[in-house]
Amino acid sequence: MRTALIFSPHADDAAAFCGGTLAKFASEGWYVVLVRVTDDARDSVGLSIKETVRRNTEELHLAASVLGVSEIVELGFPTDTLADVSAVALRERFVYLIRKYQPYAVLTFDPFGTHDGNLDHVRVAQAVEEAFWVSCFDLHHPEHFKEGLQPFSVYERWYFGRPVSSPNHAEDITEHFSKRVAALAAHRTMMQNVINQLRLQLRTSGRRAAVLDEAMSGDPTPLLTGVLHVQASAAAQAYGLGEDRLGEIFRVVRFGDMDNFFDQISEPIPGACGPV
C-alpha cells in the first residue's frame, strides 16, 4: 500500500488545491496522511479565537472524511506567522514525519512558485523541498533514530500552487471532482473569511457581487462549484485529458533530468510496490 503525505499549511489548502487527487488516491487504496501545519486560529469572521480553532478543526475532520484521508497530523504552529519560525525547526518536523510515514509521494505548495503572497505557503514549500533530501542523511537529526526511524527518501514530489512553476502533469479527477467541492465547502468558516475578503476588496472599488453575498450567508457550494469547475476544466483541456474531463495541475518531480537514466538502469525489486 502506498502512502501519500500532504503538507497543508492551513486546513483548507489540501481540498482547495489537490482535493480531487487525494480522493482519487484514497479510492485506489493509498494511505493518505494530511499534515496541518498551522492552527488556523484567526481564519474566521466575527468569531473568537477559541471558537475559530474549534470550528476550523471540526471542519477539517469533516473535509478529510469526504476525501478519504486516513490520518490527520496537527503541528499547531500559530497561523500566518511561519515567516517568524526557524526554517530549520520547521524542516525538522517535516523530516521526522517523512521518516515516520515513509511516503511514496509528498504533496505541497510549489517551492519555486512566484505569485503566492501567503508566507505560510512559501515557508512550508521551502521546508518540504529541503526536507526531501535532508531526510536521507544519517547525520541530520540522529535523535529520530532512537525512536526506531531510519533515513528515508520520498520517490515523488507533487507540487501545486497559484500558479505552479513549470507544470508537467494534470491528474484526471473527473470522477472525484464532487468530493473536492464537498470537502472545500466543508471548510465553511474559512470559506466565509475568503468570501468576506473578496467582498471588502470589491466594496473599496465601489462594487458588489450578489453571488458573494449569497455565499456568505448561505451555502458556498454553488459558488465553489463554479470556480473549481472552471479551473479544473481549463487544466484538463491544457493537458489533453479529453472533452468534459476535469484535472488538477502539478509539477511532479522524481529524479529530475535523470528520470530516463534511472528507468534504464533500474529493475523491479521483487514484492516491492511498482508503478500503478
Protein backbone atom coordinates (compact mmCIF):
# COMPACT_ATOMS: atom_id res chain seq x y z
CA MET A 1 0.00 0.00 0.00
CA ARG A 2 1.37 3.40 -0.97
CA THR A 3 1.35 6.37 1.37
CA ALA A 4 0.77 9.98 0.32
CA LEU A 5 1.85 12.66 2.78
CA ILE A 6 0.42 16.12 2.17
CA PHE A 7 1.85 19.13 3.99
CA SER A 8 -1.04 21.59 4.16
CA PRO A 9 -0.11 24.97 5.70
CA HIS A 10 -3.76 25.60 6.54
CA ALA A 11 -6.76 23.34 6.97
CA ASP A 12 -8.39 24.18 3.63
CA ASP A 13 -5.31 24.07 1.37
CA ALA A 14 -5.50 20.33 0.74
CA ALA A 15 -9.08 20.41 -0.50
CA ALA A 16 -8.60 23.65 -2.42
CA PHE A 17 -5.52 22.66 -4.40
CA CYS A 18 -5.46 18.86 -4.66
CA GLY A 19 -8.67 17.54 -3.14
CA GLY A 20 -9.60 15.56 -6.23
CA THR A 21 -6.20 13.90 -6.39
CA LEU A 22 -6.27 12.98 -2.70
CA ALA A 23 -9.75 11.50 -3.10
CA LYS A 24 -8.53 9.55 -6.13
CA PHE A 25 -5.50 8.22 -4.25
CA ALA A 26 -7.72 7.16 -1.35
CA SER A 27 -10.13 5.37 -3.71
CA GLU A 28 -7.17 3.46 -5.15
CA GLY A 29 -6.15 2.21 -1.71
CA TRP A 30 -3.47 4.75 -0.78
CA TYR A 31 -2.94 5.64 2.88
CA VAL A 32 -3.34 9.42 2.87
CA VAL A 33 -1.83 11.44 5.73
CA LEU A 34 -2.76 15.12 5.96
CA VAL A 35 -0.40 17.33 7.97
CA ARG A 36 -1.97 20.62 9.05
CA VAL A 37 0.98 22.85 9.85
CA THR A 38 -0.78 25.83 11.50
CA ASP A 39 -3.70 26.19 13.90
CA ASP A 40 -5.86 28.49 11.69
CA ALA A 41 -6.72 30.40 14.87
CA ARG A 42 -7.54 33.65 13.04
CA ASP A 43 -9.20 32.39 9.88
CA SER A 44 -12.81 33.41 10.52
CA VAL A 45 -15.20 36.36 10.53
CA GLY A 46 -16.82 37.60 13.75
CA LEU A 47 -15.67 34.73 15.98
CA SER A 48 -13.35 34.45 18.96
CA ILE A 49 -10.01 32.75 18.54
CA LYS A 50 -11.18 29.81 20.66
CA GLU A 51 -14.31 29.33 18.57
CA THR A 52 -12.34 29.77 15.36
CA VAL A 53 -9.94 26.99 16.34
CA ARG A 54 -12.81 24.70 17.31
CA ARG A 55 -14.78 25.20 14.12
CA ASN A 56 -11.84 25.01 11.75
CA THR A 57 -10.63 21.80 13.37
CA GLU A 58 -14.05 20.18 13.24
CA GLU A 59 -14.47 21.24 9.62
CA LEU A 60 -11.04 19.87 8.74
CA HIS A 61 -12.03 16.45 10.03
CA LEU A 62 -15.28 16.62 8.07
CA ALA A 63 -13.45 17.57 4.88
CA ALA A 64 -10.86 14.84 5.45
CA SER A 65 -13.58 12.22 5.79
CA VAL A 66 -15.07 13.35 2.47
CA LEU A 67 -11.70 12.93 0.75
CA GLY A 68 -10.93 9.59 2.37
CA VAL A 69 -7.94 10.86 4.35
CA SER A 70 -6.60 8.12 6.62
CA GLU A 71 -4.91 10.23 9.28
CA ILE A 72 -4.53 13.88 10.30
CA VAL A 73 -1.36 15.19 11.95
CA GLU A 74 -1.58 18.53 13.78
CA LEU A 75 1.65 20.52 14.15
CA GLY A 76 -0.07 23.54 15.71
CA PHE A 77 2.22 26.38 14.62
CA PRO A 78 0.49 29.79 15.03
CA THR A 79 -1.17 30.69 11.75
CA ASP A 80 0.15 33.46 9.50
CA THR A 81 3.43 33.67 11.41
CA LEU A 82 5.63 30.96 9.85
CA ALA A 83 7.86 33.72 8.49
CA ASP A 84 9.00 34.16 12.12
CA VAL A 85 9.57 30.44 12.75
CA SER A 86 13.01 28.92 12.38
CA ALA A 87 13.22 27.34 8.93
CA VAL A 88 15.41 24.60 10.39
CA ALA A 89 12.90 23.86 13.17
CA LEU A 90 10.06 23.63 10.64
CA ARG A 91 12.15 21.43 8.38
CA GLU A 92 12.99 19.09 11.28
CA ARG A 93 9.30 18.39 11.88
CA PHE A 94 8.85 17.55 8.21
CA VAL A 95 11.94 15.32 8.17
CA TYR A 96 10.56 13.48 11.19
CA LEU A 97 7.21 12.87 9.51
CA ILE A 98 8.81 11.74 6.26
CA ARG A 99 10.90 9.22 8.17
CA LYS A 100 7.93 8.11 10.25
CA TYR A 101 5.38 7.60 7.45
CA GLN A 102 7.82 6.70 4.64
CA PRO A 103 5.60 8.12 1.88
CA TYR A 104 5.82 7.15 -1.76
CA ALA A 105 4.75 10.72 -2.57
CA VAL A 106 4.61 14.07 -0.80
CA LEU A 107 2.32 16.90 -1.89
CA THR A 108 2.59 20.59 -1.02
CA PHE A 109 2.91 24.08 -2.47
CA ASP A 110 5.49 24.67 -5.18
CA PRO A 111 8.68 25.98 -3.54
CA PHE A 112 9.51 27.80 -6.78
CA GLY A 113 6.11 29.43 -7.24
CA THR A 114 6.39 33.16 -7.82
CA HIS A 115 2.91 34.56 -7.24
CA ASP A 116 1.94 33.38 -3.75
CA GLY A 117 1.77 36.21 -1.24
CA ASN A 118 0.99 33.91 1.69
CA LEU A 119 4.27 33.38 3.53
CA ASP A 120 2.91 30.33 5.35
CA HIS A 121 2.61 28.66 1.93
CA VAL A 122 6.09 29.77 0.93
CA ARG A 123 7.80 28.63 4.13
CA VAL A 124 6.12 25.22 4.13
CA ALA A 125 7.01 24.68 0.48
CA GLN A 126 10.64 25.59 1.06
CA ALA A 127 10.91 23.40 4.15
CA VAL A 128 9.39 20.38 2.38
CA GLU A 129 11.75 20.78 -0.57
CA GLU A 130 14.76 20.79 1.75
CA ALA A 131 13.36 18.02 3.98
CA PHE A 132 13.20 15.80 0.89
CA TRP A 133 16.96 15.38 0.82
CA VAL A 134 17.75 16.06 4.50
CA SER A 135 15.59 13.06 5.47
CA CYS A 136 18.11 10.84 3.63
CA PHE A 137 21.12 11.94 5.71
CA ASP A 138 22.02 9.83 8.72
CA LEU A 139 23.84 12.77 10.31
CA HIS A 140 20.77 15.03 10.20
CA HIS A 141 18.60 14.67 13.31
CA PRO A 142 20.02 11.35 14.57
CA GLU A 143 17.72 11.73 17.58
CA HIS A 144 14.97 10.40 15.33
CA PHE A 145 16.75 7.06 15.11
CA LYS A 146 16.37 6.49 18.86
CA GLU A 147 12.66 6.01 18.09
CA GLY A 148 13.44 3.34 15.52
CA LEU A 149 13.23 5.63 12.49
CA GLN A 150 15.72 5.43 9.63
CA PRO A 151 16.93 7.67 6.79
CA PHE A 152 14.32 7.65 4.04
CA SER A 153 13.84 9.13 0.58
CA VAL A 154 10.50 10.03 -1.00
CA TYR A 155 10.06 8.88 -4.61
CA GLU A 156 7.69 11.58 -5.93
CA ARG A 157 7.05 15.21 -5.04
CA TRP A 158 3.73 16.60 -6.29
CA TYR A 159 3.84 20.40 -6.21
CA PHE A 160 0.74 22.55 -6.63
CA GLY A 161 0.32 26.32 -6.49
CA ARG A 162 -1.07 29.51 -7.92
CA PRO A 163 0.37 29.02 -10.38
CA VAL A 164 2.69 26.01 -10.50
CA SER A 165 6.14 26.76 -11.90
CA SER A 166 6.89 24.63 -14.97
CA PRO A 167 3.89 22.28 -14.55
CA ASN A 168 4.29 18.87 -16.18
CA HIS A 169 1.25 16.85 -15.14
CA ALA A 170 -2.53 17.10 -14.90
CA GLU A 171 -4.25 14.45 -12.83
CA ASP A 172 -7.69 13.44 -14.13
CA ILE A 173 -10.08 13.96 -11.22
CA THR A 174 -13.36 13.90 -13.13
CA GLU A 175 -14.87 11.13 -11.04
CA HIS A 176 -13.69 12.77 -7.81
CA PHE A 177 -14.49 16.42 -8.55
CA SER A 178 -17.65 16.40 -6.45
CA LYS A 179 -15.62 15.28 -3.42
CA ARG A 180 -13.19 18.14 -3.96
CA VAL A 181 -16.09 20.60 -3.92
CA ALA A 182 -17.77 18.99 -0.93
CA ALA A 183 -14.52 18.92 1.04
CA LEU A 184 -13.78 22.58 0.37
CA ALA A 185 -17.37 23.55 1.19
CA ALA A 186 -16.98 21.70 4.50
CA HIS A 187 -14.46 24.39 5.47
CA ARG A 188 -17.36 26.78 5.88
CA THR A 189 -15.71 29.07 8.43
CA MET A 190 -12.61 29.55 6.29
CA MET A 191 -14.63 29.94 3.09
CA GLN A 192 -16.69 32.70 4.70
CA ASN A 193 -13.46 34.50 5.53
CA VAL A 194 -12.23 34.19 1.93
CA ILE A 195 -15.56 35.43 0.61
CA ASN A 196 -15.54 38.32 3.06
CA GLN A 197 -12.07 39.36 1.87
CA LEU A 198 -13.36 39.48 -1.71
CA ARG A 199 -16.43 41.47 -0.67
CA LEU A 200 -14.28 44.02 1.16
CA GLN A 201 -12.00 44.40 -1.85
CA LEU A 202 -14.97 44.88 -4.19
CA ARG A 203 -16.52 47.38 -1.79
CA THR A 204 -13.35 49.50 -1.97
CA SER A 205 -13.84 49.69 -5.73
CA GLY A 206 -17.45 50.78 -5.25
CA ARG A 207 -18.91 47.48 -6.43
CA ARG A 208 -20.63 44.42 -5.01
CA ALA A 209 -21.48 40.89 -6.19
CA ALA A 210 -24.75 39.30 -5.18
CA VAL A 211 -23.28 35.82 -5.59
CA LEU A 212 -20.73 36.60 -2.86
CA ASP A 213 -23.42 37.96 -0.54
CA GLU A 214 -25.47 34.79 -1.06
CA ALA A 215 -22.49 32.51 -0.44
CA MET A 216 -21.54 34.48 2.68
CA SER A 217 -24.91 33.99 4.33
CA GLY A 218 -25.80 30.60 2.88
CA ASP A 219 -24.27 27.53 1.27
CA PRO A 220 -20.97 28.28 -0.54
CA THR A 221 -21.22 25.09 -2.63
CA PRO A 222 -22.71 26.69 -5.79
CA LEU A 223 -20.03 29.39 -5.86
CA LEU A 224 -17.22 26.90 -5.18
CA THR A 225 -18.56 24.51 -7.81
CA GLY A 226 -18.46 27.21 -10.44
CA VAL A 227 -14.97 28.44 -9.57
CA LEU A 228 -13.40 24.99 -9.24
CA HIS A 229 -15.09 23.67 -12.37
CA VAL A 230 -13.63 26.48 -14.49
CA GLN A 231 -10.16 25.78 -13.09
CA ALA A 232 -10.39 22.00 -13.44
CA SER A 233 -11.82 22.19 -16.96
CA ALA A 234 -9.02 24.51 -18.08
CA ALA A 235 -6.43 22.15 -16.57
CA ALA A 236 -7.89 19.16 -18.39
CA GLN A 237 -8.02 20.97 -21.73
CA ALA A 238 -4.46 22.27 -21.40
CA TYR A 239 -3.16 18.73 -20.93
CA GLY A 240 -5.37 16.95 -23.44
CA LEU A 241 -7.30 14.83 -20.98
CA GLY A 242 -10.34 14.92 -23.26
CA GLU A 243 -13.66 16.66 -23.60
CA ASP A 244 -15.71 17.01 -20.43
CA ARG A 245 -12.78 15.89 -18.28
CA LEU A 246 -11.54 17.69 -15.18
CA GLY A 247 -7.99 17.91 -13.86
CA GLU A 248 -5.63 19.27 -11.23
CA ILE A 249 -2.23 20.62 -12.28
CA PHE A 250 1.08 19.69 -10.65
CA ARG A 251 4.80 19.70 -11.14
CA VAL A 252 5.71 16.09 -10.38
CA VAL A 253 9.39 15.57 -9.58
CA ARG A 254 11.25 12.27 -9.26
CA PHE A 255 14.91 12.34 -10.35
CA GLY A 256 14.63 15.49 -12.47
CA ASP A 257 16.66 15.28 -15.65
CA MET A 258 17.89 11.80 -14.66
CA ASP A 259 14.45 10.11 -14.87
CA ASN A 260 15.25 8.32 -18.15
CA PHE A 261 18.65 7.22 -16.88
CA PHE A 262 17.21 5.53 -13.80
CA ASP A 263 14.38 3.98 -15.82
CA GLN A 264 17.05 2.32 -17.97
CA ILE A 265 19.45 1.10 -15.28
CA SER A 266 16.98 0.07 -12.56
CA GLU A 267 14.94 -3.11 -12.22
CA PRO A 268 11.96 -4.05 -10.05
CA ILE A 269 12.53 -5.28 -6.51
CA PRO A 270 10.53 -8.50 -6.04
CA GLY A 271 7.49 -7.81 -3.89
CA ALA A 272 8.01 -4.05 -3.86
CA CYS A 273 5.36 -1.50 -4.81
CA GLY A 274 5.73 -0.88 -8.54
CA PRO A 275 4.11 1.57 -10.97
CA VAL A 276 0.35 1.90 -10.84
